[in-house]
Amino acid sequence: MSLTPKPCAHLQAVGDLKQPRAHACDECVKTGSRWVHLRTCQTCGTTLCCDSSPNQHASKHARTMDHPVVISAEPGERWLWCYPDEQFARY
């Protein structure tokens, strides 16, 4: 018996991972804002700030653009997150 749930369809659909192009939130750079941690969208490749950041650009992007999965863009972290299904997976 497995205690780990089967990954959601969004996580299963991710192919080659889109890695961050820079260690910066694309939207915060435009406005001169600060961020805490970064996430890279696996649909379009943009890197945006996490929900601990003041502007929460990554989750806003996921909702408005219907881009469900991000990876952590933090050095040494190797995980994915699906916003609609609130599911986490390591890679």
C-alpha atoms as a PDB file:
ATOM      1  CA  MET A   1       0.000   0.000   0.000  1.00  0.00           C
ATOM      2  CA  SER A   2       1.305   3.467  -0.945  1.00  0.00           C
ATOM      3  CA  LEU A   3       0.674   6.448   1.304  1.00  0.00           C
ATOM      4  CA  THR A   4       1.770   8.915  -1.372  1.00  0.00           C
ATOM      5  CA  PRO A   5      -1.147  10.090  -3.518  1.00  0.00           C
ATOM      6  CA  LYS A   6      -0.905   9.750  -7.271  1.00  0.00           C
ATOM      7  CA  PRO A   7       0.283  13.055  -8.782  1.00  0.00           C
ATOM      8  CA  CYS A   8      -2.472  15.163 -10.306  1.00  0.00           C
ATOM      9  CA  ALA A   9      -2.909  15.370 -14.076  1.00  0.00           C
ATOM     10  CA  HIS A  10      -1.221  18.800 -14.170  1.00  0.00           C
ATOM     11  CA  LEU A  11       1.964  17.461 -12.562  1.00  0.00           C
ATOM     12  CA  GLN A  12       1.909  14.356 -14.730  1.00  0.00           C
ATOM     13  CA  ALA A  13       1.658  16.527 -17.866  1.00  0.00           C
ATOM     14  CA  VAL A  14       4.906  18.416 -17.157  1.00  0.00           C
ATOM     15  CA  GLY A  15       7.616  17.324 -19.573  1.00  0.00           C
ATOM     16  CA  ASP A  16      11.053  18.922 -19.726  1.00  0.00           C
ATOM     17  CA  LEU A  17      11.342  21.399 -16.876  1.00  0.00           C
ATOM     18  CA  LYS A  18      11.631  25.079 -17.709  1.00  0.00           C
ATOM     19  CA  GLN A  19      14.489  26.424 -15.585  1.00  0.00           C
ATOM     20  CA  PRO A  20      14.657  30.053 -14.401  1.00  0.00           C
ATOM     21  CA  ARG A  21      16.457  32.412 -16.785  1.00  0.00           C
ATOM     22  CA  ALA A  22      17.476  34.752 -13.957  1.00  0.00           C
ATOM     23  CA  HIS A  23      17.190  34.827 -10.179  1.00  0.00           C
ATOM     24  CA  ALA A  24      14.603  37.628 -10.126  1.00  0.00           C
ATOM     25  CA  CYS A  25      10.835  38.068 -10.226  1.00  0.00           C
ATOM     26  CA  ASP A  26       9.997  39.324 -13.710  1.00  0.00           C
ATOM     27  CA  GLU A  27       7.144  41.502 -12.390  1.00  0.00           C
ATOM     28  CA  CYS A  28       8.864  42.812  -9.244  1.00  0.00           C
ATOM     29  CA  VAL A  29      11.801  43.984 -11.354  1.00  0.00           C
ATOM     30  CA  LYS A  30       9.399  46.130 -13.415  1.00  0.00           C
ATOM     31  CA  THR A  31       7.967  47.829 -10.312  1.00  0.00           C
ATOM     32  CA  GLY A  32      11.047  47.924  -8.116  1.00  0.00           C
ATOM     33  CA  SER A  33       9.445  45.571  -5.591  1.00  0.00           C
ATOM     34  CA  ARG A  34      11.140  42.923  -3.451  1.00  0.00           C
ATOM     35  CA  TRP A  35      10.475  39.201  -3.259  1.00  0.00           C
ATOM     36  CA  VAL A  36      11.115  36.375  -0.792  1.00  0.00           C
ATOM     37  CA  HIS A  37      11.338  33.221  -2.952  1.00  0.00           C
ATOM     38  CA  LEU A  38      10.937  32.557  -6.651  1.00  0.00           C
ATOM     39  CA  ARG A  39       8.883  30.118  -8.721  1.00  0.00           C
ATOM     40  CA  THR A  40       9.152  29.344 -12.455  1.00  0.00           C
ATOM     41  CA  CYS A  41       5.971  28.685 -14.444  1.00  0.00           C
ATOM     42  CA  GLN A  42       6.105  25.392 -16.301  1.00  0.00           C
ATOM     43  CA  THR A  43       3.740  26.593 -19.020  1.00  0.00           C
ATOM     44  CA  CYS A  44       5.485  29.787 -20.147  1.00  0.00           C
ATOM     45  CA  GLY A  45       8.794  29.870 -18.243  1.00  0.00           C
ATOM     46  CA  THR A  46       8.351  33.197 -16.466  1.00  0.00           C
ATOM     47  CA  THR A  47       9.892  33.446 -12.989  1.00  0.00           C
ATOM     48  CA  LEU A  48       7.766  35.165 -10.362  1.00  0.00           C
ATOM     49  CA  CYS A  49       7.613  35.646  -6.601  1.00  0.00           C
ATOM     50  CA  CYS A  50       6.010  33.230  -4.129  1.00  0.00           C
ATOM     51  CA  ASP A  51       3.034  33.713  -1.806  1.00  0.00           C
ATOM     52  CA  SER A  52       5.355  34.750   1.049  1.00  0.00           C
ATOM     53  CA  SER A  53       6.335  37.763  -1.073  1.00  0.00           C
ATOM     54  CA  PRO A  54       4.294  40.985  -0.849  1.00  0.00           C
ATOM     55  CA  ASN A  55       2.976  40.803  -4.435  1.00  0.00           C
ATOM     56  CA  GLN A  56       2.427  37.027  -4.783  1.00  0.00           C
ATOM     57  CA  HIS A  57       2.988  37.220  -8.533  1.00  0.00           C
ATOM     58  CA  ALA A  58       3.368  33.454  -9.145  1.00  0.00           C
ATOM     59  CA  SER A  59      -0.037  32.463  -7.771  1.00  0.00           C
ATOM     60  CA  LYS A  60      -1.729  35.460  -9.429  1.00  0.00           C
ATOM     61  CA  HIS A  61      -0.154  34.401 -12.731  1.00  0.00           C
ATOM     62  CA  ALA A  62      -1.315  30.804 -12.240  1.00  0.00           C
ATOM     63  CA  ARG A  63      -4.916  31.930 -11.659  1.00  0.00           C
ATOM     64  CA  THR A  64      -5.184  34.588 -14.366  1.00  0.00           C
ATOM     65  CA  MET A  65      -3.261  32.739 -17.080  1.00  0.00           C
ATOM     66  CA  ASP A  66      -4.479  29.220 -16.208  1.00  0.00           C
ATOM     67  CA  HIS A  67      -0.854  28.046 -15.881  1.00  0.00           C
ATOM     68  CA  PRO A  68      -1.141  25.480 -13.073  1.00  0.00           C
ATOM     69  CA  VAL A  69       2.392  24.232 -12.289  1.00  0.00           C
ATOM     70  CA  VAL A  70       5.549  25.942 -11.042  1.00  0.00           C
ATOM     71  CA  ILE A  71       8.934  24.719  -9.896  1.00  0.00           C
ATOM     72  CA  SER A  72      10.954  26.313  -7.158  1.00  0.00           C
ATOM     73  CA  ALA A  73      13.513  28.651  -8.680  1.00  0.00           C
ATOM     74  CA  GLU A  74      15.547  28.616  -5.477  1.00  0.00           C
ATOM     75  CA  PRO A  75      19.038  27.106  -5.680  1.00  0.00           C
ATOM     76  CA  GLY A  76      19.135  23.560  -4.326  1.00  0.00           C
ATOM     77  CA  GLU A  77      15.347  23.120  -4.252  1.00  0.00           C
ATOM     78  CA  ARG A  78      13.913  20.476  -6.592  1.00  0.00           C
ATOM     79  CA  TRP A  79      10.143  20.444  -6.391  1.00  0.00           C
ATOM     80  CA  LEU A  80       6.981  21.249  -8.340  1.00  0.00           C
ATOM     81  CA  TRP A  81       3.693  22.700  -7.101  1.00  0.00           C
ATOM     82  CA  CYS A  82       0.268  22.516  -8.723  1.00  0.00           C
ATOM     83  CA  TYR A  83      -1.856  25.514  -7.718  1.00  0.00           C
ATOM     84  CA  PRO A  84      -5.362  24.214  -8.617  1.00  0.00           C
ATOM     85  CA  ASP A  85      -4.854  20.809  -6.997  1.00  0.00           C
ATOM     86  CA  GLU A  86      -2.569  22.071  -4.198  1.00  0.00           C
ATOM     87  CA  GLN A  87      -0.221  19.180  -4.845  1.00  0.00           C
ATOM     88  CA  PHE A  88       3.551  18.980  -4.328  1.00  0.00           C
ATOM     89  CA  ALA A  89       6.074  16.676  -6.011  1.00  0.00           C
ATOM     90  CA  ARG A  90       9.848  16.328  -5.849  1.00  0.00           C
ATOM     91  CA  TYR A  91      11.989  15.779  -8.910  1.00  0.00           C
END
